Protein backbone atom coordinates (compact mmCIF):
# COMPACT_ATOMS: atom_id res chain seq x y z
CA UNK A 1 12.31 14.94 17.28
CA UNK A 2 9.18 13.22 16.85
CA UNK A 3 8.87 9.40 17.12
CA UNK A 4 6.53 7.43 14.94
CA UNK A 5 5.73 3.79 15.06
CA UNK A 6 5.44 2.02 12.01
CA UNK A 7 3.23 -1.10 11.93
CA UNK A 8 3.59 -3.91 9.29
CA UNK A 9 7.01 -2.84 9.03
CA UNK A 10 8.61 -5.56 7.39
CA UNK A 11 6.07 -5.25 4.28
CA UNK A 12 6.83 -3.25 1.20
CA UNK A 13 4.54 -0.34 2.20
CA UNK A 14 5.97 -0.42 5.67
CA UNK A 15 9.53 -0.55 4.57
CA UNK A 16 8.95 2.48 2.35
CA UNK A 17 7.35 4.47 4.92
CA UNK A 18 10.12 3.63 7.62
CA UNK A 19 12.65 4.89 5.04
CA UNK A 20 10.99 8.13 4.08
CA UNK A 21 10.31 9.10 7.72
CA UNK A 22 14.12 8.70 8.51
CA UNK A 23 14.84 10.86 5.53
CA UNK A 24 12.41 13.41 7.02
CA UNK A 25 14.37 13.21 10.43
CA UNK A 26 11.78 11.30 12.20
CA UNK A 27 12.89 8.88 15.13
CA UNK A 28 11.32 5.56 13.82
CA UNK A 29 10.22 2.50 15.74
CA UNK A 30 9.08 -0.45 14.12
CA UNK A 31 6.59 -2.99 15.21
CA UNK A 32 7.26 -6.81 14.13
CA UNK A 33 6.72 -10.02 15.07
CA UNK A 34 10.28 -11.25 14.40
CA UNK A 35 13.02 -8.66 15.19
CA UNK A 36 15.48 -10.53 13.06
CA UNK A 37 13.62 -9.33 10.11
CA UNK A 38 14.58 -5.73 10.74
CA UNK A 39 17.97 -5.34 8.80
CA UNK A 40 18.13 -1.42 9.19
CA UNK A 41 20.02 -0.04 12.29
CA UNK A 42 18.26 3.20 11.79
CA UNK A 43 14.87 1.95 13.94
CA UNK A 44 14.05 0.95 17.14
CA UNK A 45 12.35 -2.19 17.18
CA UNK A 46 9.27 -3.19 18.89
CA UNK A 47 8.51 -6.86 19.17
CA UNK A 48 4.78 -7.50 19.20
CA UNK A 49 1.46 -7.83 17.01
CA UNK A 50 -1.92 -6.69 16.57
CA UNK A 51 -3.21 -10.01 18.33
CA UNK A 52 -1.05 -9.11 21.51
CA UNK A 53 -2.63 -6.14 23.31
CA UNK A 54 0.04 -5.91 25.78
CA UNK A 55 2.85 -5.72 23.09
CA UNK A 56 0.76 -2.95 21.50
CA UNK A 57 0.71 -1.13 24.55
CA UNK A 58 4.12 -1.21 25.16
CA UNK A 59 5.30 -0.48 21.47
CA UNK A 60 3.15 2.93 21.83
CA UNK A 61 5.18 3.85 24.97
CA UNK A 62 7.03 7.10 23.99
CA UNK A 63 5.72 7.50 20.46
CA UNK A 64 4.09 10.75 18.96
CA UNK A 65 2.19 9.08 16.06
CA UNK A 66 1.49 5.79 14.24
CA UNK A 67 1.57 4.50 10.84
CA UNK A 68 -1.17 2.19 10.87
CA UNK A 69 -1.92 -0.42 8.38
CA UNK A 70 -3.66 -3.73 8.50
CA UNK A 71 -1.83 -7.04 7.21
CA UNK A 72 -2.61 -8.41 3.94
CA UNK A 73 -5.18 -10.85 4.87
CA UNK A 74 -8.76 -11.40 4.14
CA UNK A 75 -10.42 -12.37 7.40
CA UNK A 76 -12.68 -9.35 8.22
CA UNK A 77 -13.38 -10.57 11.75
CA UNK A 78 -9.61 -11.18 12.69
CA UNK A 79 -8.95 -7.59 10.82
CA UNK A 80 -11.66 -5.82 12.85
CA UNK A 81 -10.24 -7.68 16.09
CA UNK A 82 -6.93 -6.26 15.01
CA UNK A 83 -8.24 -2.83 14.87
CA UNK A 84 -9.91 -2.87 18.06
CA UNK A 85 -6.94 -3.98 19.91
CA UNK A 86 -5.15 -1.14 18.18
CA UNK A 87 -7.66 1.62 19.13
CA UNK A 88 -7.85 0.29 22.79
CA UNK A 89 -3.98 0.61 23.07
CA UNK A 90 -3.90 3.86 21.24
CA UNK A 91 -6.46 5.69 23.64
CA UNK A 92 -3.93 5.04 26.47
CA UNK A 93 -1.01 6.66 24.57
CA UNK A 94 -0.43 10.18 23.97
CA UNK A 95 -0.57 10.54 20.37
CA UNK A 96 -0.46 13.57 18.12
CA UNK A 97 -1.41 11.55 14.96
CA UNK A 98 -2.28 8.29 13.56
CA UNK A 99 -1.87 7.92 9.77
CA UNK A 100 -4.16 5.11 8.48
CA UNK A 101 -3.25 3.71 4.94
CA UNK A 102 -6.28 1.79 3.89
CA UNK A 103 -3.91 0.28 1.18
CA UNK A 104 -7.05 -0.02 -1.37
CA UNK A 105 -10.24 1.63 -2.11
CA UNK A 106 -12.56 2.32 0.74
CA UNK A 107 -16.17 2.39 -0.39
CA UNK A 108 -18.79 4.51 0.68
CA UNK A 109 -21.24 1.56 1.27
CA UNK A 110 -20.60 -2.15 1.76
CA UNK A 111 -19.69 -3.54 -1.48
CA UNK A 112 -19.73 -7.43 -0.74
CA UNK A 113 -15.86 -7.50 -1.30
CA UNK A 114 -13.94 -8.37 1.92
CA UNK A 115 -10.96 -6.34 0.55
CA UNK A 116 -13.05 -3.27 0.65
CA UNK A 117 -15.48 -3.86 3.31
CA UNK A 118 -12.90 -4.80 5.86
CA UNK A 119 -11.35 -1.43 5.49
CA UNK A 120 -14.67 0.47 5.66
CA UNK A 121 -15.50 -1.07 8.86
CA UNK A 122 -11.95 -0.41 10.43
CA UNK A 123 -12.34 3.06 9.44
CA UNK A 124 -15.73 3.13 11.10
CA UNK A 125 -13.98 1.93 14.48
CA UNK A 126 -11.22 4.52 14.05
CA UNK A 127 -13.57 7.36 13.56
CA UNK A 128 -15.71 6.25 16.55
CA UNK A 129 -12.61 6.10 18.72
CA UNK A 130 -12.02 9.85 18.64
CA UNK A 131 -8.46 9.32 18.03
CA UNK A 132 -6.70 11.87 15.64
CA UNK A 133 -6.23 10.01 12.29
CA UNK A 134 -5.44 11.11 8.94
CA UNK A 135 -6.90 8.39 6.15
CA UNK A 136 -5.01 7.92 3.13
CA UNK A 137 -6.83 5.92 0.44
CA UNK A 138 -4.87 4.43 -2.59
CA UNK A 139 -5.96 2.28 -5.31
CA UNK A 140 -3.50 0.04 -6.90
CA UNK A 141 0.27 -0.03 -6.81
CA UNK A 142 2.76 0.81 -9.73
CA UNK A 143 5.25 -1.47 -7.75
CA UNK A 144 3.47 -4.60 -8.87
CA UNK A 145 4.53 -3.99 -12.41
CA UNK A 146 8.19 -4.39 -11.09
CA UNK A 147 7.29 -7.49 -9.32
CA UNK A 148 8.84 -11.01 -9.64
CA UNK A 149 5.82 -12.20 -11.60
CA UNK A 150 6.09 -9.05 -14.04
CA UNK A 151 9.46 -8.06 -14.88
CA UNK A 152 10.46 -11.44 -16.53
CA UNK A 153 7.54 -11.18 -18.62
CA UNK A 154 8.30 -7.57 -19.68
CA UNK A 155 12.03 -7.96 -20.17
CA UNK A 156 12.18 -11.63 -21.63
CA UNK A 157 8.96 -11.84 -23.48
CA UNK A 158 7.92 -8.05 -24.34
CA UNK A 159 4.53 -8.47 -22.60
CA UNK A 160 2.81 -6.78 -19.82
CA UNK A 161 -0.01 -9.00 -18.33
CA UNK A 162 -2.37 -6.96 -16.30
CA UNK A 163 -5.76 -7.79 -14.73
CA UNK A 164 -7.02 -4.38 -15.88
CA UNK A 165 -9.15 -3.79 -19.37
CA UNK A 166 -7.19 -2.09 -21.88
CA UNK A 167 -8.97 0.99 -22.03
CA UNK A 168 -9.76 1.53 -18.58
CA UNK A 169 -8.14 4.44 -16.65
CA UNK A 170 -6.64 3.80 -13.28
CA UNK A 171 -4.80 5.86 -10.84
CA UNK A 172 -1.81 4.05 -9.84
CA UNK A 173 0.56 4.87 -7.34
CA UNK A 174 4.06 3.90 -6.09
CA UNK A 175 5.22 2.91 -2.86
CA UNK A 176 7.31 5.98 -2.63
CA UNK A 177 4.58 8.32 -3.19
CA UNK A 178 2.46 6.64 -0.66
CA UNK A 179 5.26 6.99 1.84
CA UNK A 180 5.73 10.83 1.06
CA UNK A 181 2.03 11.37 1.51
CA UNK A 182 2.38 9.76 4.76
CA UNK A 183 5.47 11.82 5.96
CA UNK A 184 3.59 14.83 4.76
CA UNK A 185 0.75 14.01 7.10
CA UNK A 186 2.86 13.43 10.21
CA UNK A 187 4.31 17.07 9.49
CA UNK A 188 0.98 18.27 9.28
CA UNK A 189 -0.99 17.10 12.60
CA UNK A 190 -3.66 19.72 12.31
CA UNK A 191 -4.91 17.68 9.30
CA UNK A 192 -6.43 14.82 11.57
CA UNK A 193 -9.88 13.75 10.65
CA UNK A 194 -9.07 14.52 6.69
CA UNK A 195 -9.60 11.97 4.21
CA UNK A 196 -7.40 11.84 1.16
CA UNK A 197 -7.89 9.70 -2.05
CA UNK A 198 -4.26 9.56 -3.37
CA UNK A 199 -2.87 8.34 -6.73
CA UNK A 200 -1.14 9.81 -9.95
CA UNK A 201 -2.92 10.85 -12.73
CA UNK A 202 -5.05 8.10 -14.28
CA UNK A 203 -3.51 5.90 -17.21
CA UNK A 204 -4.60 2.98 -19.18
CA UNK A 205 -2.89 -0.15 -20.23
CA UNK A 206 -1.82 1.23 -23.53
CA UNK A 207 -0.18 4.12 -21.70
CA UNK A 208 1.45 1.71 -19.52
CA UNK A 209 3.13 -0.17 -22.55
CA UNK A 210 3.97 3.01 -24.51
CA UNK A 211 5.89 4.13 -21.35
CA UNK A 212 7.66 0.87 -20.96
CA UNK A 213 8.48 0.59 -24.75
CA UNK A 214 10.07 4.04 -24.82
CA UNK A 215 12.19 3.58 -21.80
CA UNK A 216 13.28 0.06 -22.55
CA UNK A 217 13.72 0.62 -26.37
CA UNK A 218 11.46 -2.28 -27.24
CA UNK A 219 8.21 -3.09 -27.78
CA UNK A 220 5.77 -3.98 -25.19
CA UNK A 221 2.44 -5.35 -25.54
CA UNK A 222 -0.25 -5.33 -23.39
CA UNK A 223 -2.09 -8.67 -22.43
CA UNK A 224 -5.42 -8.72 -20.47
CA UNK A 225 -5.38 -11.26 -17.76
CA UNK A 226 -9.00 -11.81 -16.78
CA UNK A 227 -9.83 -11.99 -13.04
CA UNK A 228 -10.60 -15.51 -13.25
CA UNK A 229 -7.35 -16.04 -14.93
CA UNK A 230 -5.55 -14.19 -12.42
CA UNK A 231 -7.25 -15.89 -9.69
CA UNK A 232 -6.05 -19.37 -11.09
CA UNK A 233 -2.66 -17.99 -11.33
CA UNK A 234 -2.43 -16.76 -7.33
CA UNK A 235 -3.96 -20.01 -5.91
CA UNK A 236 -0.76 -21.97 -5.92
CA UNK A 237 1.15 -19.25 -3.99
CA UNK A 238 -1.30 -17.61 -1.61
CA UNK A 239 -4.30 -20.35 -1.44
CA UNK A 240 -8.01 -20.05 -2.54
CA UNK A 241 -9.24 -17.49 -0.23
CA UNK A 242 -6.61 -14.89 -0.66
CA UNK A 243 -6.37 -15.66 -4.40
CA UNK A 244 -10.29 -14.85 -4.64
CA UNK A 245 -10.05 -11.94 -2.49
CA UNK A 246 -7.20 -10.23 -4.39
CA UNK A 247 -9.01 -11.08 -7.71
CA UNK A 248 -12.21 -9.62 -6.45
CA UNK A 249 -10.42 -6.45 -6.37
CA UNK A 250 -9.98 -6.41 -10.14
CA UNK A 251 -13.53 -7.73 -10.71
CA UNK A 252 -14.69 -4.64 -8.94
CA UNK A 253 -12.24 -2.55 -11.11
CA UNK A 254 -13.83 -4.07 -14.15
CA UNK A 255 -17.21 -3.59 -13.23
CA UNK A 256 -16.81 -0.09 -11.62
CA UNK A 257 -13.78 1.48 -13.18
CA UNK A 258 -14.97 5.19 -11.98
CA UNK A 259 -13.66 3.95 -8.32
CA UNK A 260 -10.32 3.50 -9.29
CA UNK A 261 -9.90 6.98 -10.79
CA UNK A 262 -9.10 9.57 -7.95
CA UNK A 263 -8.97 13.52 -7.97
CA UNK A 264 -5.97 13.90 -5.98
CA UNK A 265 -6.07 17.76 -6.03
CA UNK A 266 -7.01 17.91 -2.37
CA UNK A 267 -4.06 15.43 -1.47
CA UNK A 268 -1.59 17.68 -3.32
CA UNK A 269 -2.81 20.84 -2.11
CA UNK A 270 -3.09 19.91 1.81
CA UNK A 271 0.13 17.52 1.66
CA UNK A 272 2.24 19.28 -0.87
CA UNK A 273 3.11 16.09 -2.72
CA UNK A 274 2.88 15.79 -6.30
CA UNK A 275 2.94 12.07 -7.11
CA UNK A 276 5.34 10.89 -9.78
CA UNK A 277 4.20 10.40 -13.44
CA UNK A 278 4.20 6.88 -14.84
CA UNK A 279 7.15 7.90 -17.14
CA UNK A 280 9.20 9.18 -13.90
CA UNK A 281 8.52 6.01 -12.24
CA UNK A 282 9.45 3.67 -14.89
CA UNK A 283 12.70 5.80 -15.35
CA UNK A 284 13.53 5.09 -11.47
CA UNK A 285 13.05 1.25 -11.83
CA UNK A 286 16.42 -0.82 -12.64
CA UNK A 287 14.58 -3.06 -14.95
CA UNK A 288 17.43 -5.15 -16.14
CA UNK A 289 18.90 -5.54 -12.61
CA UNK A 290 15.54 -6.89 -11.26
CA UNK A 291 15.33 -9.17 -14.20
CA UNK A 292 18.71 -10.82 -13.28
CA UNK A 293 18.07 -10.74 -9.68
CA UNK A 294 14.52 -12.61 -10.09
CA UNK A 295 16.27 -14.87 -12.39
CA UNK A 296 18.83 -15.71 -9.99
CA UNK A 297 16.31 -16.38 -7.37
CA UNK A 298 14.48 -19.12 -9.45
CA UNK A 299 17.75 -20.82 -10.40
CA UNK A 300 19.00 -20.85 -7.08
């Protein structure tokens, strides 16, 4: 049984990947700064972080592959330091495959936005390393629509506020599908060196509200949130830098919508994963349960 190290394991993406790897009969080791945050007994736990090279080398001992994802921060120099630390540690391990999840668009040329350019430069370091890597490039996550800031608006107010212009097509992806693509890559180490743009069939905001309205049996109205409005709403929770950097993703989407529509034929053919349609994803979300859960958390 192959052992896979999952980085950023306490995040939503890392958690989904670890769960799907276990389902596919991989042995999973998770890297975390705080082992107390790992609730599942299905994983080996390695205490460490990207800024501690010794802990990385220790975590890589005895593993066959690594799911590598950088944390959600927008300090390019720090992200590149983390990448260099990982590369140096990985060179001394006997890895069959690394799956790098960029977690966002990776442009062909620098864009001026740190969210994209940090991943572009991180990939360049990985490609220069000679390590066996499969690169996965998602765009935007459907699961954001089922987040604590979205569900109450949908269920209680009948509105879907999103920072995406109404007519723009976007290839959304679920965390579940991204995890499935990751598992499929580990099952096909011969794909090392390949890059896959991943996402479901593109839909626009009207498609999203139509799907939600049909499933929830109530009218859901689309509300466009401008990137500036979105940034202002994020500042209190995330601070100025993170709020701006996240909102810049949507500024780029507004100005270059073609970058957020993917042709996933290569990924489907090579990895054998057909992503969920939006209707399928909506049907799998326990909307009322989540609404009660989020309301309880706010009340508590």
